[in-house]
Amino acid sequence: MNLPLERMTPEAAAECVNAFKPKIVYVYHYDQTFASSGRPGSGIAESLEKFRHALVPGTVEFRPAPWYPR
């Protein structure tokens, strides 16, 4: 999600996940700032929440993981 920069928004990523309906989804490559600078960005939580809220309720389990350092 979001890599390379601006490739896929959280909503577009969720649309794809909703289409193929996996049981569980882990999102990675979502911190554009870290990808480009090596420093954690400030919009991480917002991006993940946008993704989570765009998933069809009750069909896919979203499991966040600590892919980037704090």
C-alpha atoms as a PDB file:
ATOM      1  CA  MET A   1       0.000   0.000   0.000  1.00  0.00           C
ATOM      2  CA  ASN A   2       1.425   3.381  -1.056  1.00  0.00           C
ATOM      3  CA  LEU A   3       4.686   2.121  -2.603  1.00  0.00           C
ATOM      4  CA  PRO A   4       6.131   3.350  -4.794  1.00  0.00           C
ATOM      5  CA  LEU A   5       4.886   6.660  -3.542  1.00  0.00           C
ATOM      6  CA  GLU A   6       1.172   7.179  -4.203  1.00  0.00           C
ATOM      7  CA  ARG A   7       0.752   3.885  -6.060  1.00  0.00           C
ATOM      8  CA  MET A   8      -2.226   2.619  -4.069  1.00  0.00           C
ATOM      9  CA  THR A   9      -4.252   4.507  -1.490  1.00  0.00           C
ATOM     10  CA  PRO A  10      -5.616   2.757   1.610  1.00  0.00           C
ATOM     11  CA  GLU A  11      -9.095   2.766   0.070  1.00  0.00           C
ATOM     12  CA  ALA A  12      -7.867   1.253  -3.219  1.00  0.00           C
ATOM     13  CA  ALA A  13      -5.904  -1.426  -1.352  1.00  0.00           C
ATOM     14  CA  ALA A  14      -9.016  -2.327   0.655  1.00  0.00           C
ATOM     15  CA  GLU A  15     -11.062  -2.502  -2.549  1.00  0.00           C
ATOM     16  CA  CYS A  16      -8.638  -5.108  -3.918  1.00  0.00           C
ATOM     17  CA  VAL A  17      -8.707  -7.109  -0.678  1.00  0.00           C
ATOM     18  CA  ASN A  18     -12.517  -6.996  -0.649  1.00  0.00           C
ATOM     19  CA  ALA A  19     -12.525  -8.386  -4.213  1.00  0.00           C
ATOM     20  CA  PHE A  20     -10.475 -11.515  -3.493  1.00  0.00           C
ATOM     21  CA  LYS A  21     -11.707 -12.025   0.114  1.00  0.00           C
ATOM     22  CA  PRO A  22      -8.776 -13.564   1.978  1.00  0.00           C
ATOM     23  CA  LYS A  23      -9.453 -14.709   5.536  1.00  0.00           C
ATOM     24  CA  ILE A  24      -6.643 -12.544   6.969  1.00  0.00           C
ATOM     25  CA  VAL A  25      -4.740  -9.547   5.636  1.00  0.00           C
ATOM     26  CA  TYR A  26      -1.466  -7.989   6.796  1.00  0.00           C
ATOM     27  CA  VAL A  27      -0.598  -4.595   5.337  1.00  0.00           C
ATOM     28  CA  TYR A  28       3.025  -3.638   4.724  1.00  0.00           C
ATOM     29  CA  HIS A  29       4.786  -0.939   2.689  1.00  0.00           C
ATOM     30  CA  TYR A  30       2.448   1.721   4.061  1.00  0.00           C
ATOM     31  CA  ASP A  31       4.855   4.339   5.451  1.00  0.00           C
ATOM     32  CA  GLN A  32       5.843   6.539   2.517  1.00  0.00           C
ATOM     33  CA  THR A  33       8.053   8.776   4.657  1.00  0.00           C
ATOM     34  CA  PHE A  34      10.087   5.838   5.958  1.00  0.00           C
ATOM     35  CA  ALA A  35      10.415   4.383   2.468  1.00  0.00           C
ATOM     36  CA  SER A  36      11.831   7.601   1.073  1.00  0.00           C
ATOM     37  CA  SER A  37      13.861   8.924   4.026  1.00  0.00           C
ATOM     38  CA  GLY A  38      14.446   6.141   6.570  1.00  0.00           C
ATOM     39  CA  ARG A  39      12.542   8.137   9.199  1.00  0.00           C
ATOM     40  CA  PRO A  40       9.079   7.107  10.413  1.00  0.00           C
ATOM     41  CA  GLY A  41       6.188   9.179   9.093  1.00  0.00           C
ATOM     42  CA  SER A  42       3.343  10.773  10.991  1.00  0.00           C
ATOM     43  CA  GLY A  43       0.365   9.477   8.977  1.00  0.00           C
ATOM     44  CA  ILE A  44       0.816   5.773   9.619  1.00  0.00           C
ATOM     45  CA  ALA A  45      -2.085   5.294  12.035  1.00  0.00           C
ATOM     46  CA  GLU A  46      -4.413   7.319   9.808  1.00  0.00           C
ATOM     47  CA  SER A  47      -3.522   5.270   6.714  1.00  0.00           C
ATOM     48  CA  LEU A  48      -4.078   1.986   8.522  1.00  0.00           C
ATOM     49  CA  GLU A  49      -7.434   3.148   9.917  1.00  0.00           C
ATOM     50  CA  LYS A  50      -8.582   4.271   6.461  1.00  0.00           C
ATOM     51  CA  PHE A  51      -7.692   0.810   5.172  1.00  0.00           C
ATOM     52  CA  ARG A  52      -9.401  -0.975   8.074  1.00  0.00           C
ATOM     53  CA  HIS A  53     -12.610   1.053   7.666  1.00  0.00           C
ATOM     54  CA  ALA A  54     -12.746   0.398   3.904  1.00  0.00           C
ATOM     55  CA  LEU A  55     -12.798  -3.389   4.396  1.00  0.00           C
ATOM     56  CA  VAL A  56     -16.168  -5.127   4.197  1.00  0.00           C
ATOM     57  CA  PRO A  57     -17.115  -5.767   7.846  1.00  0.00           C
ATOM     58  CA  GLY A  58     -16.952  -9.385   8.971  1.00  0.00           C
ATOM     59  CA  THR A  59     -15.316 -10.790   5.835  1.00  0.00           C
ATOM     60  CA  VAL A  60     -11.582 -10.154   6.286  1.00  0.00           C
ATOM     61  CA  GLU A  61      -9.573 -10.094   9.505  1.00  0.00           C
ATOM     62  CA  PHE A  62      -7.102  -7.203   9.506  1.00  0.00           C
ATOM     63  CA  ARG A  63      -3.955  -7.899  11.520  1.00  0.00           C
ATOM     64  CA  PRO A  64      -1.693  -4.897  11.953  1.00  0.00           C
ATOM     65  CA  ALA A  65       2.012  -5.633  12.443  1.00  0.00           C
ATOM     66  CA  PRO A  66       4.943  -3.448  13.529  1.00  0.00           C
ATOM     67  CA  TRP A  67       6.778  -3.365  10.174  1.00  0.00           C
ATOM     68  CA  TYR A  68       8.479  -0.017  10.795  1.00  0.00           C
ATOM     69  CA  PRO A  69      10.504   1.205  13.785  1.00  0.00           C
ATOM     70  CA  ARG A  70       8.968   3.892  15.971  1.00  0.00           C
END
